[in-house]
Amino acid sequence: DKYEHKYNFRFEEKGADEIQGHPRKIVESVRKEPEKRKEKRQEKMKKVEESLKKEKEEVKRLKKLKREEFKKKVTEIMSLSGLSEEEATELANTIDLEKEYDP
């Protein structure tokens, strides 16, 4: 009976009833994954972000200059209209340049 069982199942392997799976990433692998593309992509993104940041800072600086120029003009106009220098400066500072223009 033992011999017959052994003879009948001689082609079957151990663990044939289980599906063998392989991990997607092997942890103990010595092989290094190529990351040159990834590094170049990250460098490019950094350059783009830096250029955008510089542009925003430049726009901010130009807006500040324009605002100061406008306040100087308003102060000059106020002083020409007969107000004292302090009153003109105070009035120019109360004007909100950030809100929408409403004529």
PDB file of N, CA and C in Angstrom:
ATOM      1  N   ASP A   1       0.817  -1.187   0.000  1.00  0.00           N
ATOM      2  CA  ASP A   1       0.000   0.000   0.000  1.00  0.00           C
ATOM      3  C   ASP A   1       0.869   1.263   0.000  1.00  0.00           C
ATOM      4  N   LYS A   2       1.921   1.230   0.808  1.00  0.00           N
ATOM      5  CA  LYS A   2       2.847   2.352   0.853  1.00  0.00           C
ATOM      6  C   LYS A   2       3.548   2.512  -0.492  1.00  0.00           C
ATOM      7  N   TYR A   3       3.968   1.405  -1.036  1.00  0.00           N
ATOM      8  CA  TYR A   3       4.662   1.416  -2.314  1.00  0.00           C
ATOM      9  C   TYR A   3       3.748   1.951  -3.405  1.00  0.00           C
ATOM     10  N   GLU A   4       2.516   1.526  -3.400  1.00  0.00           N
ATOM     11  CA  GLU A   4       1.562   1.950  -4.416  1.00  0.00           C
ATOM     12  C   GLU A   4       1.271   3.457  -4.299  1.00  0.00           C
ATOM     13  N   HIS A   5       1.123   3.932  -3.091  1.00  0.00           N
ATOM     14  CA  HIS A   5       0.875   5.360  -2.859  1.00  0.00           C
ATOM     15  C   HIS A   5       2.071   6.188  -3.339  1.00  0.00           C
ATOM     16  N   LYS A   6       3.275   5.716  -3.018  1.00  0.00           N
ATOM     17  CA  LYS A   6       4.491   6.403  -3.428  1.00  0.00           C
ATOM     18  C   LYS A   6       4.612   6.402  -4.955  1.00  0.00           C
ATOM     19  N   TYR A   7       4.279   5.250  -5.564  1.00  0.00           N
ATOM     20  CA  TYR A   7       4.370   5.113  -7.011  1.00  0.00           C
ATOM     21  C   TYR A   7       3.336   6.004  -7.707  1.00  0.00           C
ATOM     22  N   ASN A   8       2.140   6.092  -7.203  1.00  0.00           N
ATOM     23  CA  ASN A   8       1.074   6.886  -7.825  1.00  0.00           C
ATOM     24  C   ASN A   8       1.337   8.396  -7.740  1.00  0.00           C
ATOM     25  N   PHE A   9       1.971   8.834  -6.670  1.00  0.00           N
ATOM     26  CA  PHE A   9       2.202  10.263  -6.467  1.00  0.00           C
ATOM     27  C   PHE A   9       3.662  10.646  -6.658  1.00  0.00           C
ATOM     28  N   ARG A  10       4.383   9.902  -7.475  1.00  0.00           N
ATOM     29  CA  ARG A  10       5.812  10.151  -7.650  1.00  0.00           C
ATOM     30  C   ARG A  10       6.108  11.447  -8.416  1.00  0.00           C
ATOM     31  N   PHE A  11       5.178  11.944  -9.246  1.00  0.00           N
ATOM     32  CA  PHE A  11       5.415  13.148 -10.039  1.00  0.00           C
ATOM     33  C   PHE A  11       4.946  14.430  -9.326  1.00  0.00           C
ATOM     34  N   GLU A  12       4.237  14.263  -8.259  1.00  0.00           N
ATOM     35  CA  GLU A  12       3.756  15.440  -7.537  1.00  0.00           C
ATOM     36  C   GLU A  12       4.843  15.980  -6.625  1.00  0.00           C
ATOM     37  N   GLU A  13       4.930  17.271  -6.554  1.00  0.00           N
ATOM     38  CA  GLU A  13       5.955  17.916  -5.741  1.00  0.00           C
ATOM     39  C   GLU A  13       5.353  18.376  -4.420  1.00  0.00           C
ATOM     40  N   LYS A  14       6.227  18.627  -3.475  1.00  0.00           N
ATOM     41  CA  LYS A  14       5.773  19.143  -2.189  1.00  0.00           C
ATOM     42  C   LYS A  14       5.343  20.593  -2.377  1.00  0.00           C
ATOM     43  N   GLY A  15       4.275  20.972  -1.724  1.00  0.00           N
ATOM     44  CA  GLY A  15       3.795  22.343  -1.805  1.00  0.00           C
ATOM     45  C   GLY A  15       3.119  22.671  -3.118  1.00  0.00           C
ATOM     46  N   ALA A  16       2.699  21.680  -3.885  1.00  0.00           N
ATOM     47  CA  ALA A  16       2.064  21.924  -5.179  1.00  0.00           C
ATOM     48  C   ALA A  16       0.665  22.507  -5.018  1.00  0.00           C
ATOM     49  N   ASP A  17       0.093  22.356  -3.842  1.00  0.00           N
ATOM     50  CA  ASP A  17      -1.248  22.879  -3.620  1.00  0.00           C
ATOM     51  C   ASP A  17      -1.240  24.360  -3.207  1.00  0.00           C
ATOM     52  N   GLU A  18      -0.051  24.961  -3.103  1.00  0.00           N
ATOM     53  CA  GLU A  18       0.062  26.372  -2.744  1.00  0.00           C
ATOM     54  C   GLU A  18       0.584  27.165  -3.945  1.00  0.00           C
ATOM     55  N   ILE A  19       0.088  28.368  -4.081  1.00  0.00           N
ATOM     56  CA  ILE A  19       0.557  29.230  -5.161  1.00  0.00           C
ATOM     57  C   ILE A  19       1.768  29.996  -4.654  1.00  0.00           C
ATOM     58  N   GLN A  20       2.843  29.905  -5.416  1.00  0.00           N
ATOM     59  CA  GLN A  20       4.066  30.563  -5.004  1.00  0.00           C
ATOM     60  C   GLN A  20       4.055  32.020  -5.466  1.00  0.00           C
ATOM     61  N   GLY A  21       4.373  32.916  -4.573  1.00  0.00           N
ATOM     62  CA  GLY A  21       4.409  34.343  -4.896  1.00  0.00           C
ATOM     63  C   GLY A  21       5.781  34.914  -4.623  1.00  0.00           C
ATOM     64  N   HIS A  22       6.082  36.000  -5.310  1.00  0.00           N
ATOM     65  CA  HIS A  22       7.373  36.656  -5.128  1.00  0.00           C
ATOM     66  C   HIS A  22       7.131  38.115  -4.752  1.00  0.00           C
ATOM     67  N   PRO A  23       7.924  38.630  -3.832  1.00  0.00           N
ATOM     68  CA  PRO A  23       7.737  40.033  -3.448  1.00  0.00           C
ATOM     69  C   PRO A  23       8.147  40.975  -4.575  1.00  0.00           C
ATOM     70  N   ARG A  24       7.506  42.118  -4.614  1.00  0.00           N
ATOM     71  CA  ARG A  24       7.790  43.094  -5.660  1.00  0.00           C
ATOM     72  C   ARG A  24       9.189  43.681  -5.501  1.00  0.00           C
ATOM     73  N   LYS A  25       9.546  44.004  -4.263  1.00  0.00           N
ATOM     74  CA  LYS A  25      10.873  44.552  -3.990  1.00  0.00           C
ATOM     75  C   LYS A  25      11.581  43.626  -3.014  1.00  0.00           C
ATOM     76  N   ILE A  26      12.760  43.220  -3.378  1.00  0.00           N
ATOM     77  CA  ILE A  26      13.530  42.313  -2.541  1.00  0.00           C
ATOM     78  C   ILE A  26      14.384  43.153  -1.600  1.00  0.00           C
ATOM     79  N   VAL A  27      14.196  42.928  -0.306  1.00  0.00           N
ATOM     80  CA  VAL A  27      14.855  43.749   0.704  1.00  0.00           C
ATOM     81  C   VAL A  27      16.350  43.474   0.767  1.00  0.00           C
ATOM     82  N   GLU A  28      16.737  42.225   0.771  1.00  0.00           N
ATOM     83  CA  GLU A  28      18.150  41.886   0.936  1.00  0.00           C
ATOM     84  C   GLU A  28      18.925  41.889  -0.380  1.00  0.00           C
ATOM     85  N   SER A  29      18.384  42.522  -1.398  1.00  0.00           N
ATOM     86  CA  SER A  29      19.048  42.584  -2.695  1.00  0.00           C
ATOM     87  C   SER A  29      20.241  43.544  -2.647  1.00  0.00           C
ATOM     88  N   VAL A  30      21.298  43.195  -3.340  1.00  0.00           N
ATOM     89  CA  VAL A  30      22.499  44.023  -3.400  1.00  0.00           C
ATOM     90  C   VAL A  30      22.391  45.012  -4.557  1.00  0.00           C
ATOM     91  N   ARG A  31      21.529  44.721  -5.490  1.00  0.00           N
ATOM     92  CA  ARG A  31      21.376  45.547  -6.680  1.00  0.00           C
ATOM     93  C   ARG A  31      20.891  46.949  -6.313  1.00  0.00           C
ATOM     94  N   LYS A  32      21.511  47.952  -6.921  1.00  0.00           N
ATOM     95  CA  LYS A  32      21.154  49.340  -6.689  1.00  0.00           C
ATOM     96  C   LYS A  32      20.172  49.793  -7.760  1.00  0.00           C
ATOM     97  N   GLU A  33      19.121  50.445  -7.337  1.00  0.00           N
ATOM     98  CA  GLU A  33      18.140  50.927  -8.302  1.00  0.00           C
ATOM     99  C   GLU A  33      18.653  52.223  -8.933  1.00  0.00           C
ATOM    100  N   PRO A  34      18.521  52.363 -10.241  1.00  0.00           N
ATOM    101  CA  PRO A  34      18.988  53.600 -10.891  1.00  0.00           C
ATOM    102  C   PRO A  34      18.085  54.776 -10.509  1.00  0.00           C
ATOM    103  N   GLU A  35      18.687  55.835  -9.994  1.00  0.00           N
ATOM    104  CA  GLU A  35      17.903  56.984  -9.552  1.00  0.00           C
ATOM    105  C   GLU A  35      18.351  58.279 -10.226  1.00  0.00           C
ATOM    106  N   LYS A  36      19.076  58.176 -11.329  1.00  0.00           N
ATOM    107  CA  LYS A  36      19.558  59.379 -12.000  1.00  0.00           C
ATOM    108  C   LYS A  36      18.394  60.217 -12.526  1.00  0.00           C
ATOM    109  N   ARG A  37      17.423  59.577 -13.118  1.00  0.00           N
ATOM    110  CA  ARG A  37      16.276  60.308 -13.652  1.00  0.00           C
ATOM    111  C   ARG A  37      15.524  61.016 -12.532  1.00  0.00           C
ATOM    112  N   LYS A  38      15.345  60.268 -11.444  1.00  0.00           N
ATOM    113  CA  LYS A  38      14.629  60.826 -10.298  1.00  0.00           C
ATOM    114  C   LYS A  38      15.366  62.048  -9.754  1.00  0.00           C
ATOM    115  N   GLU A  39      16.690  61.946  -9.630  1.00  0.00           N
ATOM    116  CA  GLU A  39      17.491  63.060  -9.119  1.00  0.00           C
ATOM    117  C   GLU A  39      17.434  64.259 -10.062  1.00  0.00           C
ATOM    118  N   LYS A  40      17.519  64.014 -11.370  1.00  0.00           N
ATOM    119  CA  LYS A  40      17.441  65.106 -12.341  1.00  0.00           C
ATOM    120  C   LYS A  40      16.076  65.789 -12.281  1.00  0.00           C
ATOM    121  N   ARG A  41      15.032  64.983 -12.142  1.00  0.00           N
ATOM    122  CA  ARG A  41      13.681  65.522 -12.056  1.00  0.00           C
ATOM    123  C   ARG A  41      13.548  66.416 -10.816  1.00  0.00           C
ATOM    124  N   GLN A  42      14.108  65.950  -9.693  1.00  0.00           N
ATOM    125  CA  GLN A  42      14.044  66.734  -8.461  1.00  0.00           C
ATOM    126  C   GLN A  42      14.853  68.025  -8.578  1.00  0.00           C
ATOM    127  N   GLU A  43      16.028  67.958  -9.206  1.00  0.00           N
ATOM    128  CA  GLU A  43      16.839  69.158  -9.407  1.00  0.00           C
ATOM    129  C   GLU A  43      16.097  70.174 -10.271  1.00  0.00           C
ATOM    130  N   LYS A  44      15.449  69.678 -11.317  1.00  0.00           N
ATOM    131  CA  LYS A  44      14.701  70.558 -12.210  1.00  0.00           C
ATOM    132  C   LYS A  44      13.553  71.231 -11.453  1.00  0.00           C
ATOM    133  N   MET A  45      12.855  70.450 -10.626  1.00  0.00           N
ATOM    134  CA  MET A  45      11.755  71.004  -9.839  1.00  0.00           C
ATOM    135  C   MET A  45      12.263  72.068  -8.863  1.00  0.00           C
ATOM    136  N   LYS A  46      13.432  71.826  -8.261  1.00  0.00           N
ATOM    137  CA  LYS A  46      14.010  72.810  -7.341  1.00  0.00           C
ATOM    138  C   LYS A  46      14.326  74.109  -8.073  1.00  0.00           C
ATOM    139  N   LYS A  47      14.902  73.988  -9.278  1.00  0.00           N
ATOM    140  CA  LYS A  47      15.231  75.177 -10.059  1.00  0.00           C
ATOM    141  C   LYS A  47      13.976  75.969 -10.404  1.00  0.00           C
ATOM    142  N   VAL A  48      12.926  75.257 -10.792  1.00  0.00           N
ATOM    143  CA  VAL A  48      11.674  75.921 -11.149  1.00  0.00           C
ATOM    144  C   VAL A  48      11.093  76.631  -9.925  1.00  0.00           C
ATOM    145  N   GLU A  49      11.103  75.944  -8.780  1.00  0.00           N
ATOM    146  CA  GLU A  49      10.571  76.544  -7.557  1.00  0.00           C
ATOM    147  C   GLU A  49      11.377  77.776  -7.150  1.00  0.00           C
ATOM    148  N   GLU A  50      12.697  77.691  -7.266  1.00  0.00           N
ATOM    149  CA  GLU A  50      13.542  78.834  -6.919  1.00  0.00           C
ATOM    150  C   GLU A  50      13.283  80.017  -7.843  1.00  0.00           C
ATOM    151  N   SER A  51      13.131  79.739  -9.136  1.00  0.00           N
ATOM    152  CA  SER A  51      12.870  80.833 -10.076  1.00  0.00           C
ATOM    153  C   SER A  51      11.508  81.476  -9.795  1.00  0.00           C
ATOM    154  N   LEU A  52      10.508  80.659  -9.466  1.00  0.00           N
ATOM    155  CA  LEU A  52       9.195  81.208  -9.128  1.00  0.00           C
ATOM    156  C   LEU A  52       9.269  82.053  -7.859  1.00  0.00           C
ATOM    157  N   LYS A  53      10.037  81.576  -6.896  1.00  0.00           N
ATOM    158  CA  LYS A  53      10.191  82.312  -5.642  1.00  0.00           C
ATOM    159  C   LYS A  53      10.872  83.659  -5.895  1.00  0.00           C
ATOM    160  N   LYS A  54      11.915  83.654  -6.739  1.00  0.00           N
ATOM    161  CA  LYS A  54      12.614  84.900  -7.071  1.00  0.00           C
ATOM    162  C   LYS A  54      11.681  85.875  -7.788  1.00  0.00           C
ATOM    163  N   GLU A  55      10.874  85.350  -8.703  1.00  0.00           N
ATOM    164  CA  GLU A  55       9.930  86.202  -9.430  1.00  0.00           C
ATOM    165  C   GLU A  55       8.925  86.839  -8.474  1.00  0.00           C
ATOM    166  N   LYS A  56       8.411  86.040  -7.535  1.00  0.00           N
ATOM    167  CA  LYS A  56       7.448  86.569  -6.567  1.00  0.00           C
ATOM    168  C   LYS A  56       8.084  87.653  -5.701  1.00  0.00           C
ATOM    169  N   GLU A  57       9.323  87.417  -5.275  1.00  0.00           N
ATOM    170  CA  GLU A  57      10.015  88.417  -4.465  1.00  0.00           C
ATOM    171  C   GLU A  57      10.241  89.700  -5.258  1.00  0.00           C
ATOM    172  N   GLU A  58      10.584  89.557  -6.524  1.00  0.00           N
ATOM    173  CA  GLU A  58      10.806  90.726  -7.381  1.00  0.00           C
ATOM    174  C   GLU A  58       9.508  91.511  -7.564  1.00  0.00           C
ATOM    175  N   VAL A  59       8.408  90.810  -7.784  1.00  0.00           N
ATOM    176  CA  VAL A  59       7.111  91.473  -7.934  1.00  0.00           C
ATOM    177  C   VAL A  59       6.743  92.191  -6.638  1.00  0.00           C
ATOM    178  N   LYS A  60       6.999  91.537  -5.519  1.00  0.00           N
ATOM    179  CA  LYS A  60       6.708  92.136  -4.220  1.00  0.00           C
ATOM    180  C   LYS A  60       7.530  93.416  -4.022  1.00  0.00           C
ATOM    181  N   ARG A  61       8.801  93.363  -4.395  1.00  0.00           N
ATOM    182  CA  ARG A  61       9.684  94.521  -4.259  1.00  0.00           C
ATOM    183  C   ARG A  61       9.210  95.673  -5.153  1.00  0.00           C
ATOM    184  N   LEU A  62       8.838  95.325  -6.395  1.00  0.00           N
ATOM    185  CA  LEU A  62       8.368  96.359  -7.321  1.00  0.00           C
ATOM    186  C   LEU A  62       7.055  96.988  -6.846  1.00  0.00           C
ATOM    187  N   LYS A  63       6.173  96.172  -6.287  1.00  0.00           N
ATOM    188  CA  LYS A  63       4.914  96.706  -5.764  1.00  0.00           C
ATOM    189  C   LYS A  63       5.179  97.675  -4.613  1.00  0.00           C
ATOM    190  N   LYS A  64       6.129  97.297  -3.762  1.00  0.00           N
ATOM    191  CA  LYS A  64       6.474  98.158  -2.630  1.00  0.00           C
ATOM    192  C   LYS A  64       7.023  99.495  -3.127  1.00  0.00           C
ATOM    193  N   LEU A  65       7.907  99.442  -4.129  1.00  0.00           N
ATOM    194  CA  LEU A  65       8.455 100.675  -4.695  1.00  0.00           C
ATOM    195  C   LEU A  65       7.350 101.547  -5.300  1.00  0.00           C
ATOM    196  N   LYS A  66       6.439 100.908  -6.014  1.00  0.00           N
ATOM    197  CA  LYS A  66       5.340 101.633  -6.649  1.00  0.00           C
ATOM    198  C   LYS A  66       4.453 102.285  -5.589  1.00  0.00           C
ATOM    199  N   ARG A  67       4.187 101.554  -4.504  1.00  0.00           N
ATOM    200  CA  ARG A  67       3.364 102.067  -3.420  1.00  0.00           C
ATOM    201  C   ARG A  67       4.032 103.290  -2.774  1.00  0.00           C
ATOM    202  N   GLU A  68       5.342 103.182  -2.523  1.00  0.00           N
ATOM    203  CA  GLU A  68       6.076 104.301  -1.924  1.00  0.00           C
ATOM    204  C   GLU A  68       6.069 105.515  -2.856  1.00  0.00           C
ATOM    205  N   GLU A  69       6.252 105.257  -4.139  1.00  0.00           N
ATOM    206  CA  GLU A  69       6.234 106.337  -5.125  1.00  0.00           C
ATOM    207  C   GLU A  69       4.870 107.028  -5.137  1.00  0.00           C
ATOM    208  N   PHE A  70       3.815 106.227  -5.081  1.00  0.00           N
ATOM    209  CA  PHE A  70       2.462 106.772  -5.082  1.00  0.00           C
ATOM    210  C   PHE A  70       2.222 107.612  -3.826  1.00  0.00           C
ATOM    211  N   LYS A  71       2.688 107.119  -2.676  1.00  0.00           N
ATOM    212  CA  LYS A  71       2.504 107.866  -1.429  1.00  0.00           C
ATOM    213  C   LYS A  71       3.270 109.189  -1.466  1.00  0.00           C
ATOM    214  N   LYS A  72       4.463 109.176  -2.063  1.00  0.00           N
ATOM    215  CA  LYS A  72       5.228 110.420  -2.195  1.00  0.00           C
ATOM    216  C   LYS A  72       4.469 111.424  -3.057  1.00  0.00           C
ATOM    217  N   LYS A  73       3.894 110.929  -4.151  1.00  0.00           N
ATOM    218  CA  LYS A  73       3.135 111.816  -5.042  1.00  0.00           C
ATOM    219  C   LYS A  73       1.912 112.385  -4.329  1.00  0.00           C
ATOM    220  N   VAL A  74       1.217 111.536  -3.584  1.00  0.00           N
ATOM    221  CA  VAL A  74       0.031 111.985  -2.849  1.00  0.00           C
ATOM    222  C   VAL A  74       0.434 113.016  -1.810  1.00  0.00           C
ATOM    223  N   THR A  75       1.530 112.755  -1.105  1.00  0.00           N
ATOM    224  CA  THR A  75       2.013 113.702  -0.101  1.00  0.00           C
ATOM    225  C   THR A  75       2.373 115.036  -0.744  1.00  0.00           C
ATOM    226  N   GLU A  76       3.023 114.989  -1.894  1.00  0.00           N
ATOM    227  CA  GLU A  76       3.394 116.213  -2.606  1.00  0.00           C
ATOM    228  C   GLU A  76       2.156 116.987  -3.046  1.00  0.00           C
ATOM    229  N   ILE A  77       1.165 116.271  -3.551  1.00  0.00           N
ATOM    230  CA  ILE A  77      -0.080 116.922  -3.987  1.00  0.00           C
ATOM    231  C   ILE A  77      -0.783 117.556  -2.793  1.00  0.00           C
ATOM    232  N   MET A  78      -0.811 116.837  -1.677  1.00  0.00           N
ATOM    233  CA  MET A  78      -1.469 117.355  -0.480  1.00  0.00           C
ATOM    234  C   MET A  78      -0.757 118.609   0.037  1.00  0.00           C
ATOM    235  N   SER A  79       0.581 118.577   0.005  1.00  0.00           N
ATOM    236  CA  SER A  79       1.324 119.745   0.495  1.00  0.00           C
ATOM    237  C   SER A  79       1.123 120.948  -0.423  1.00  0.00           C
ATOM    238  N   LEU A  80       0.982 120.709  -1.732  1.00  0.00           N
ATOM    239  CA  LEU A  80       0.728 121.797  -2.676  1.00  0.00           C
ATOM    240  C   LEU A  80      -0.678 122.369  -2.509  1.00  0.00           C
ATOM    241  N   SER A  81      -1.581 121.540  -1.985  1.00  0.00           N
ATOM    242  CA  SER A  81      -2.957 121.997  -1.814  1.00  0.00           C
ATOM    243  C   SER A  81      -3.132 122.848  -0.561  1.00  0.00           C
ATOM    244  N   GLY A  82      -2.084 122.977   0.224  1.00  0.00           N
ATOM    245  CA  GLY A  82      -2.170 123.877   1.369  1.00  0.00           C
ATOM    246  C   GLY A  82      -2.112 123.163   2.707  1.00  0.00           C
ATOM    247  N   LEU A  83      -2.076 121.857   2.722  1.00  0.00           N
ATOM    248  CA  LEU A  83      -1.974 121.136   3.993  1.00  0.00           C
ATOM    249  C   LEU A  83      -0.525 121.133   4.463  1.00  0.00           C
ATOM    250  N   SER A  84      -0.352 120.989   5.769  1.00  0.00           N
ATOM    251  CA  SER A  84       1.014 120.903   6.294  1.00  0.00           C
ATOM    252  C   SER A  84       1.608 119.540   5.941  1.00  0.00           C
ATOM    253  N   GLU A  85       2.905 119.415   6.072  1.00  0.00           N
ATOM    254  CA  GLU A  85       3.614 118.179   5.698  1.00  0.00           C
ATOM    255  C   GLU A  85       3.126 116.987   6.523  1.00  0.00           C
ATOM    256  N   GLU A  86       2.923 117.192   7.844  1.00  0.00           N
ATOM    257  CA  GLU A  86       2.468 116.091   8.714  1.00  0.00           C
ATOM    258  C   GLU A  86       1.048 115.661   8.359  1.00  0.00           C
ATOM    259  N   GLU A  87       0.169 116.635   8.124  1.00  0.00           N
ATOM    260  CA  GLU A  87      -1.214 116.315   7.759  1.00  0.00           C
ATOM    261  C   GLU A  87      -1.264 115.562   6.432  1.00  0.00           C
ATOM    262  N   ALA A  88      -0.454 115.984   5.486  1.00  0.00           N
ATOM    263  CA  ALA A  88      -0.417 115.336   4.170  1.00  0.00           C
ATOM    264  C   ALA A  88       0.085 113.903   4.295  1.00  0.00           C
ATOM    265  N   THR A  89       1.129 113.700   5.101  1.00  0.00           N
ATOM    266  CA  THR A  89       1.671 112.354   5.302  1.00  0.00           C
ATOM    267  C   THR A  89       0.649 111.460   5.995  1.00  0.00           C
ATOM    268  N   GLU A  90      -0.025 112.024   7.008  1.00  0.00           N
ATOM    269  CA  GLU A  90      -1.035 111.259   7.745  1.00  0.00           C
ATOM    270  C   GLU A  90      -2.193 110.875   6.831  1.00  0.00           C
ATOM    271  N   LEU A  91      -2.632 111.796   6.012  1.00  0.00           N
ATOM    272  CA  LEU A  91      -3.725 111.533   5.077  1.00  0.00           C
ATOM    273  C   LEU A  91      -3.318 110.503   4.027  1.00  0.00           C
ATOM    274  N   ALA A  92      -2.078 110.571   3.568  1.00  0.00           N
ATOM    275  CA  ALA A  92      -1.584 109.612   2.573  1.00  0.00           C
ATOM    276  C   ALA A  92      -1.504 108.210   3.173  1.00  0.00           C
ATOM    277  N   ASN A  93      -1.181 108.112   4.451  1.00  0.00           N
ATOM    278  CA  ASN A  93      -1.095 106.799   5.103  1.00  0.00           C
ATOM    279  C   ASN A  93      -2.470 106.187   5.349  1.00  0.00           C
ATOM    280  N   THR A  94      -3.509 107.015   5.454  1.00  0.00           N
ATOM    281  CA  THR A  94      -4.852 106.481   5.684  1.00  0.00           C
ATOM    282  C   THR A  94      -5.458 105.899   4.412  1.00  0.00           C
ATOM    283  N   ILE A  95      -4.932 106.279   3.268  1.00  0.00           N
ATOM    284  CA  ILE A  95      -5.452 105.754   1.996  1.00  0.00           C
ATOM    285  C   ILE A  95      -5.036 104.293   1.864  1.00  0.00           C
ATOM    286  N   ASP A  96      -6.025 103.422   1.639  1.00  0.00           N
ATOM    287  CA  ASP A  96      -5.746 101.988   1.491  1.00  0.00           C
ATOM    288  C   ASP A  96      -5.513 101.681   0.017  1.00  0.00           C
ATOM    289  N   LEU A  97      -4.285 101.341  -0.316  1.00  0.00           N
ATOM    290  CA  LEU A  97      -3.934 101.087  -1.714  1.00  0.00           C
ATOM    291  C   LEU A  97      -4.226  99.653  -2.137  1.00  0.00           C
ATOM    292  N   GLU A  98      -4.514  98.784  -1.194  1.00  0.00           N
ATOM    293  CA  GLU A  98      -4.715  97.366  -1.499  1.00  0.00           C
ATOM    294  C   GLU A  98      -6.146  97.044  -1.925  1.00  0.00           C
ATOM    295  N   LYS A  99      -7.112  97.866  -1.501  1.00  0.00           N
ATOM    296  CA  LYS A  99      -8.504  97.549  -1.847  1.00  0.00           C
ATOM    297  C   LYS A  99      -8.803  97.931  -3.297  1.00  0.00           C
ATOM    298  N   GLU A 100      -9.934  97.440  -3.790  1.00  0.00           N
ATOM    299  CA  GLU A 100     -10.350  97.693  -5.165  1.00  0.00           C
ATOM    300  C   GLU A 100     -10.674  99.175  -5.357  1.00  0.00           C
ATOM    301  N   TYR A 101     -10.368  99.668  -6.539  1.00  0.00           N
ATOM    302  CA  TYR A 101     -10.656 101.064  -6.867  1.00  0.00           C
ATOM    303  C   TYR A 101     -12.137 101.220  -7.163  1.00  0.00           C
ATOM    304  N   ASP A 102     -12.773 102.183  -6.470  1.00  0.00           N
ATOM    305  CA  ASP A 102     -14.187 102.442  -6.680  1.00  0.00           C
ATOM    306  C   ASP A 102     -14.366 103.934  -6.939  1.00  0.00           C
ATOM    307  N   PRO A 103     -14.560 104.351  -8.178  1.00  0.00           N
ATOM    308  CA  PRO A 103     -14.657 105.786  -8.490  1.00  0.00           C
ATOM    309  C   PRO A 103     -15.928 106.337  -8.002  1.00  0.00           C
TER     310      PRO A 103
END
